[in-house]
Amino acid sequence: MITTTVRGLAVAAAILIAVAASCQDSPVSSKAAVDPPTVKIGDLFTFTMTVTAPADTPLGLPGSDADLGEIEVRGFTAVEGTDDDGCRVATLTWECQLFVMDETEITPPAVTWKDEDGAAHEAQAQPVPIMVTTVLPADAQDIKDIRGPRKMPLSPWYYVAYALAALLLLALVGLAIWLLLRRRKQAEQAAPPLPAHSQALLALEELEKRELVAHGQFEEYYVALSYIARRYLENRYAIDALESTTFMLAVEIHRAQHVPKIAEDFIEMLRMADLVKFAKFAPEDRAADMHLTGTRKLVQLTAVEDEEEPEQPVAAQG
């Protein structure tokens, strides 16, 4: 009976020891490693932390922004799972580079966790050494300084070729300009300019389409209308209409024998334009429209008539 009791107590003690050794009642542990342990400067390597903790323990795990000292992080992954004892296992892997020579220690970031009473703790793995070697071969010597610029002697043919290239470029530019001017001259000869009245009628039509009167833009409207009328008078009768005041233009039209009396009707519109431009007068919309209509009518009445074809001579009867 005593032997059975002792044996039961031993089994119970073994179970308690096993339970105490399991992760469910153990503190959080952290281990770190690098792969490979020796790299050349600038080569990629992995720094891995393995954190083991009870499944119900709140953990604060480092991430991609963890402070790893002089290491430059190029990538980060985190994988979590459980082991055979039901422990929570987190594997954190950083893909890294180092640009510092000789042996260096990597200090793993701390893992924070809380116990059942809510008290905060930290678990930190031991520093991991890594050896960084040079990319130069073992028998390589020190790198030599960069040489300064050296003047190279140029052959005389270099200057000849340079001069010929410049002359060729100038010839091409000159040819392009000559062709452009020739094409423009041919276009002007092929399409003679429109008569003065045709130009004026087209300009009046474009002005009417702008609907400046409907939008209350009387000054811009009369500036354009007076310019069309003055340019027509200058092109039609060869008088200085664009640079003359309205009074001077009226006197010149009245005195010029080759200008018909009806052309003096342009002056009425030009006087109204002066009031709008200089006195800020705002006429009624209907009156403004009538001035454009009247100007168009005057252009049509004073337009150059098409020359009639000369009559063919009558053959003498025998």
Protein backbone atom coordinates (compact mmCIF):
# COMPACT_ATOMS: atom_id res chain seq x y z
CA MET A 1 0.00 0.00 0.00
CA ILE A 2 2.80 2.37 0.94
CA THR A 3 4.63 1.42 -2.27
CA THR A 4 1.55 2.24 -4.37
CA THR A 5 1.16 5.60 -2.66
CA VAL A 6 4.81 6.51 -3.21
CA ARG A 7 4.59 5.48 -6.83
CA GLY A 8 1.47 7.69 -7.33
CA LEU A 9 3.17 10.63 -5.73
CA ALA A 10 6.18 10.18 -8.00
CA VAL A 11 3.98 10.16 -11.09
CA ALA A 12 2.16 13.27 -9.93
CA ALA A 13 5.45 15.00 -9.26
CA ALA A 14 6.69 14.10 -12.75
CA ILE A 15 3.51 15.51 -14.29
CA LEU A 16 3.85 18.74 -12.30
CA ILE A 17 7.48 19.09 -13.39
CA ALA A 18 6.52 18.54 -17.05
CA VAL A 19 3.73 21.07 -16.80
CA ALA A 20 6.03 23.58 -15.16
CA ALA A 21 8.51 23.07 -18.00
CA SER A 22 5.88 23.58 -20.74
CA CYS A 23 5.48 26.96 -22.53
CA GLN A 24 2.06 27.56 -20.98
CA ASP A 25 3.74 28.56 -17.70
CA SER A 26 7.16 29.65 -19.00
CA PRO A 27 8.31 33.25 -19.66
CA VAL A 28 8.74 34.58 -23.19
CA SER A 29 12.01 33.64 -24.86
CA SER A 30 13.75 35.23 -27.88
CA LYS A 31 16.59 33.89 -29.99
CA ALA A 32 18.40 35.55 -32.90
CA ALA A 33 20.64 34.37 -35.75
CA VAL A 34 22.14 35.60 -39.02
CA ASP A 35 22.56 33.72 -42.26
CA PRO A 36 25.27 33.61 -43.48
CA PRO A 37 27.51 34.66 -40.59
CA THR A 38 30.14 36.06 -42.99
CA VAL A 39 29.24 38.35 -45.92
CA LYS A 40 30.95 40.74 -48.26
CA ILE A 41 30.25 44.43 -47.89
CA GLY A 42 26.91 45.30 -49.47
CA ASP A 43 25.77 41.65 -49.83
CA LEU A 44 22.29 40.65 -48.69
CA PHE A 45 21.87 38.47 -45.60
CA THR A 46 19.00 37.54 -43.28
CA PHE A 47 18.62 38.40 -39.61
CA THR A 48 16.04 36.15 -37.90
CA MET A 49 14.41 36.35 -34.49
CA THR A 50 12.39 33.44 -33.08
CA VAL A 51 10.04 34.37 -30.23
CA THR A 52 8.35 31.63 -28.15
CA ALA A 53 5.56 32.45 -25.70
CA PRO A 54 2.43 30.97 -24.15
CA ALA A 55 -0.52 31.14 -26.50
CA ASP A 56 -2.49 33.59 -24.35
CA THR A 57 0.37 36.00 -23.59
CA PRO A 58 0.03 39.47 -25.19
CA LEU A 59 3.17 40.22 -27.21
CA GLY A 60 4.68 43.39 -28.63
CA LEU A 61 6.75 42.23 -31.59
CA PRO A 62 9.20 44.43 -33.50
CA GLY A 63 8.46 45.08 -37.19
CA SER A 64 10.10 46.35 -40.36
CA ASP A 65 10.93 49.68 -38.66
CA ALA A 66 12.84 48.08 -35.80
CA ASP A 67 16.13 49.72 -34.81
CA LEU A 68 18.91 47.42 -35.99
CA GLY A 69 21.75 49.91 -35.68
CA GLU A 70 23.89 50.32 -38.80
CA ILE A 71 21.97 47.65 -40.72
CA GLU A 72 19.98 48.76 -43.77
CA VAL A 73 16.72 46.81 -44.05
CA ARG A 74 15.62 45.79 -47.57
CA GLY A 75 12.68 43.52 -46.66
CA PHE A 76 10.72 42.08 -43.73
CA THR A 77 8.47 39.06 -43.15
CA ALA A 78 6.66 37.78 -40.05
CA VAL A 79 5.29 34.24 -39.69
CA GLU A 80 3.41 32.97 -36.63
CA GLY A 81 2.39 29.47 -35.61
CA THR A 82 2.38 26.98 -32.74
CA ASP A 83 4.74 24.20 -31.80
CA ASP A 84 3.94 20.69 -30.51
CA ASP A 85 3.39 21.99 -26.94
CA GLY A 86 0.85 24.60 -28.07
CA CYS A 87 3.26 27.49 -27.64
CA ARG A 88 3.00 30.57 -29.81
CA VAL A 89 6.04 30.83 -32.10
CA ALA A 90 6.72 34.01 -34.10
CA THR A 91 9.51 34.03 -36.68
CA LEU A 92 10.63 37.54 -37.72
CA THR A 93 13.01 37.80 -40.68
CA TRP A 94 14.75 40.94 -41.92
CA GLU A 95 16.58 41.04 -45.26
CA CYS A 96 19.57 43.27 -44.62
CA GLN A 97 22.75 44.89 -45.93
CA LEU A 98 25.82 46.17 -44.12
CA PHE A 99 28.34 48.67 -45.38
CA VAL A 100 30.68 48.53 -42.37
CA MET A 101 33.85 46.44 -42.56
CA ASP A 102 35.14 43.91 -39.98
CA GLU A 103 33.18 42.05 -37.30
CA THR A 104 29.97 43.69 -36.13
CA GLU A 105 27.41 42.76 -33.52
CA ILE A 106 23.72 43.00 -34.24
CA THR A 107 21.66 43.83 -31.16
CA PRO A 108 18.20 42.27 -31.51
CA PRO A 109 15.24 44.51 -30.69
CA ALA A 110 13.37 43.74 -27.45
CA VAL A 111 10.06 41.87 -27.30
CA THR A 112 7.52 43.20 -24.79
CA TRP A 113 4.90 41.05 -23.06
CA LYS A 114 2.55 41.12 -20.10
CA ASP A 115 1.94 38.50 -17.43
CA GLU A 116 -1.39 37.51 -15.89
CA ASP A 117 -1.28 40.46 -13.47
CA GLY A 118 -0.78 42.92 -16.34
CA ALA A 119 2.81 43.71 -15.47
CA ALA A 120 5.00 44.58 -18.49
CA HIS A 121 8.20 42.68 -19.22
CA GLU A 122 10.84 42.56 -21.92
CA ALA A 123 12.64 39.66 -23.54
CA GLN A 124 15.75 40.30 -25.60
CA ALA A 125 17.97 37.86 -27.43
CA GLN A 126 21.73 37.90 -27.13
CA PRO A 127 23.68 40.02 -29.67
CA VAL A 128 24.64 38.15 -32.82
CA PRO A 129 28.09 38.63 -34.42
CA ILE A 130 28.53 38.96 -38.19
CA MET A 131 31.73 39.35 -40.19
CA VAL A 132 31.78 41.78 -43.12
CA THR A 133 34.65 41.39 -45.59
CA THR A 134 35.82 43.42 -48.58
CA VAL A 135 34.83 42.68 -52.16
CA LEU A 136 38.47 42.94 -53.31
CA PRO A 137 40.50 39.79 -53.80
CA ALA A 138 42.95 38.79 -51.08
CA ASP A 139 46.03 39.90 -53.03
CA ALA A 140 44.58 43.26 -54.05
CA GLN A 141 46.57 46.41 -53.28
CA ASP A 142 45.29 49.81 -52.22
CA ILE A 143 43.14 51.64 -54.75
CA LYS A 144 45.14 54.23 -56.63
CA ASP A 145 44.07 57.87 -56.79
CA ILE A 146 42.19 59.09 -59.86
CA ARG A 147 44.48 60.70 -62.39
CA GLY A 148 43.92 64.27 -63.46
CA PRO A 149 42.88 65.26 -66.99
CA ARG A 150 45.47 64.71 -69.71
CA LYS A 151 45.67 66.81 -72.82
CA MET A 152 45.56 64.81 -75.99
CA PRO A 153 47.19 66.25 -79.10
CA LEU A 154 44.65 66.88 -81.86
CA SER A 155 45.36 66.21 -85.49
CA PRO A 156 45.03 69.13 -87.96
CA TRP A 157 42.40 67.06 -89.75
CA TYR A 158 40.21 67.43 -86.68
CA TYR A 159 39.96 71.19 -87.26
CA VAL A 160 39.40 70.66 -91.00
CA ALA A 161 36.54 68.26 -90.30
CA TYR A 162 35.08 70.65 -87.74
CA ALA A 163 35.18 73.56 -90.24
CA LEU A 164 33.63 71.44 -92.99
CA ALA A 165 30.82 70.36 -90.66
CA ALA A 166 30.13 73.99 -89.71
CA LEU A 167 30.07 75.06 -93.37
CA LEU A 168 27.73 72.18 -94.24
CA LEU A 169 25.40 73.18 -91.43
CA LEU A 170 25.34 76.81 -92.58
CA ALA A 171 24.65 75.68 -96.15
CA LEU A 172 21.72 73.55 -94.99
CA VAL A 173 20.28 76.42 -92.96
CA GLY A 174 20.64 78.78 -95.91
CA LEU A 175 18.98 76.28 -98.24
CA ALA A 176 16.08 75.83 -95.83
CA ILE A 177 15.55 79.61 -95.59
CA TRP A 178 15.70 80.00 -99.37
CA LEU A 179 13.15 77.23 -99.90
CA LEU A 180 10.85 78.74 -97.28
CA LEU A 181 10.98 82.20 -98.85
CA ARG A 182 10.48 80.76 -102.31
CA ARG A 183 7.44 78.77 -101.20
CA ARG A 184 5.97 81.83 -99.50
CA LYS A 185 6.50 83.93 -102.61
CA GLN A 186 4.88 81.28 -104.79
CA ALA A 187 1.93 81.11 -102.40
CA GLU A 188 1.50 84.89 -102.57
CA GLN A 189 1.64 84.82 -106.35
CA ALA A 190 -0.78 81.91 -106.56
CA ALA A 191 -3.34 83.54 -104.25
CA PRO A 192 -3.63 87.29 -104.86
CA PRO A 193 -4.94 89.33 -101.93
CA LEU A 194 -8.66 89.89 -101.66
CA PRO A 195 -10.07 93.27 -102.72
CA ALA A 196 -10.59 95.86 -100.01
CA HIS A 197 -14.36 95.41 -99.88
CA SER A 198 -14.07 91.60 -99.60
CA GLN A 199 -11.65 91.93 -96.68
CA ALA A 200 -13.96 94.42 -94.96
CA LEU A 201 -17.08 92.28 -95.40
CA LEU A 202 -15.33 89.21 -94.01
CA ALA A 203 -14.07 91.21 -91.01
CA LEU A 204 -17.58 92.58 -90.34
CA GLU A 205 -19.00 89.08 -90.45
CA GLU A 206 -16.45 87.85 -87.91
CA LEU A 207 -17.16 90.86 -85.66
CA GLU A 208 -20.89 90.15 -85.76
CA LYS A 209 -20.30 86.52 -84.72
CA ARG A 210 -18.46 87.65 -81.57
CA GLU A 211 -21.72 89.15 -80.16
CA LEU A 212 -19.87 91.86 -78.26
CA VAL A 213 -22.94 94.10 -78.11
CA ALA A 214 -25.04 91.38 -76.48
CA HIS A 215 -22.39 91.07 -73.75
CA GLY A 216 -22.14 94.84 -73.22
CA GLN A 217 -18.56 95.10 -74.54
CA PHE A 218 -19.20 98.34 -76.47
CA GLU A 219 -15.65 99.71 -76.35
CA GLU A 220 -14.10 96.57 -77.84
CA TYR A 221 -16.94 96.44 -80.37
CA TYR A 222 -16.46 100.02 -81.64
CA VAL A 223 -12.66 99.73 -81.64
CA ALA A 224 -12.92 96.78 -84.01
CA LEU A 225 -15.69 98.36 -86.12
CA SER A 226 -13.83 101.67 -86.58
CA TYR A 227 -10.62 99.82 -87.49
CA ILE A 228 -12.43 97.82 -90.19
CA ALA A 229 -13.93 100.99 -91.67
CA ARG A 230 -10.65 102.95 -91.56
CA ARG A 231 -8.66 100.10 -93.13
CA TYR A 232 -11.25 99.78 -95.88
CA LEU A 233 -11.12 103.52 -96.69
CA GLU A 234 -7.31 103.45 -96.73
CA ASN A 235 -7.09 100.38 -98.99
CA ARG A 236 -10.00 101.46 -101.21
CA TYR A 237 -9.12 105.11 -101.81
CA ALA A 238 -5.39 105.27 -100.85
CA ILE A 239 -5.96 107.85 -98.10
CA ASP A 240 -4.34 107.98 -94.67
CA ALA A 241 -7.31 106.75 -92.67
CA LEU A 242 -5.68 104.60 -89.96
CA GLU A 243 -3.38 107.34 -88.61
CA SER A 244 -5.80 110.30 -88.97
CA THR A 245 -8.27 111.63 -86.43
CA THR A 246 -11.94 111.46 -87.31
CA PHE A 247 -12.01 115.21 -88.02
CA MET A 248 -8.93 115.04 -90.30
CA LEU A 249 -10.37 112.01 -92.11
CA ALA A 250 -13.67 113.80 -92.69
CA VAL A 251 -11.82 116.77 -94.19
CA GLU A 252 -9.72 114.53 -96.44
CA ILE A 253 -12.75 112.56 -97.70
CA HIS A 254 -14.59 115.82 -98.42
CA ARG A 255 -11.66 117.29 -100.37
CA ALA A 256 -10.62 114.15 -102.31
CA GLN A 257 -12.14 114.22 -105.76
CA HIS A 258 -11.80 110.46 -106.28
CA VAL A 259 -13.79 109.65 -103.11
CA PRO A 260 -17.60 109.65 -103.60
CA LYS A 261 -19.86 111.68 -101.36
CA ILE A 262 -21.45 108.57 -99.91
CA ALA A 263 -18.13 107.69 -98.25
CA GLU A 264 -18.69 110.63 -95.88
CA ASP A 265 -21.38 108.50 -94.16
CA PHE A 266 -18.57 106.48 -92.56
CA ILE A 267 -17.79 109.54 -90.41
CA GLU A 268 -21.04 109.24 -88.43
CA MET A 269 -20.10 105.78 -87.19
CA LEU A 270 -16.51 106.89 -86.47
CA ARG A 271 -17.75 109.79 -84.33
CA MET A 272 -19.90 107.42 -82.30
CA ALA A 273 -16.88 105.14 -81.90
CA ASP A 274 -14.88 108.09 -80.53
CA LEU A 275 -17.60 108.80 -77.95
CA VAL A 276 -17.57 105.19 -76.80
CA LYS A 277 -13.76 104.89 -76.71
CA PHE A 278 -12.89 108.26 -75.16
CA ALA A 279 -16.06 109.43 -73.36
CA LYS A 280 -17.16 105.96 -72.17
CA PHE A 281 -20.55 106.47 -73.81
CA ALA A 282 -22.79 103.36 -73.86
CA PRO A 283 -25.23 103.41 -76.80
CA GLU A 284 -28.31 101.26 -77.08
CA ASP A 285 -27.86 97.76 -78.46
CA ARG A 286 -30.06 98.53 -81.45
CA ALA A 287 -28.03 101.61 -82.36
CA ALA A 288 -24.77 99.65 -82.12
CA ASP A 289 -26.15 96.89 -84.37
CA MET A 290 -27.35 99.53 -86.86
CA HIS A 291 -23.83 100.97 -87.09
CA LEU A 292 -22.46 97.57 -88.16
CA THR A 293 -25.30 97.11 -90.64
CA GLY A 294 -24.76 100.61 -92.02
CA THR A 295 -21.01 100.06 -92.36
CA ARG A 296 -21.63 96.85 -94.30
CA LYS A 297 -24.05 98.67 -96.61
CA LEU A 298 -21.55 101.49 -97.26
CA VAL A 299 -18.82 98.95 -98.09
CA GLN A 300 -21.13 97.24 -100.57
CA LEU A 301 -22.14 100.56 -102.18
CA THR A 302 -18.53 101.76 -102.57
CA ALA A 303 -17.05 98.41 -103.60
CA VAL A 304 -14.95 98.22 -106.76
CA GLU A 305 -17.09 96.93 -109.58
CA ASP A 306 -15.80 94.01 -111.61
CA GLU A 307 -14.19 95.16 -114.82
CA GLU A 308 -16.21 94.30 -117.81
CA GLU A 309 -14.62 92.20 -120.50
CA PRO A 310 -13.62 94.29 -123.52
CA GLU A 311 -15.80 93.86 -126.55
CA GLN A 312 -14.38 91.77 -129.35
CA PRO A 313 -13.62 93.83 -132.51
CA VAL A 314 -16.08 93.28 -135.33
CA ALA A 315 -14.48 91.78 -138.39
CA ALA A 316 -14.50 94.11 -141.39
CA GLN A 317 -17.01 93.12 -143.97
CA GLY A 318 -15.64 92.72 -147.39
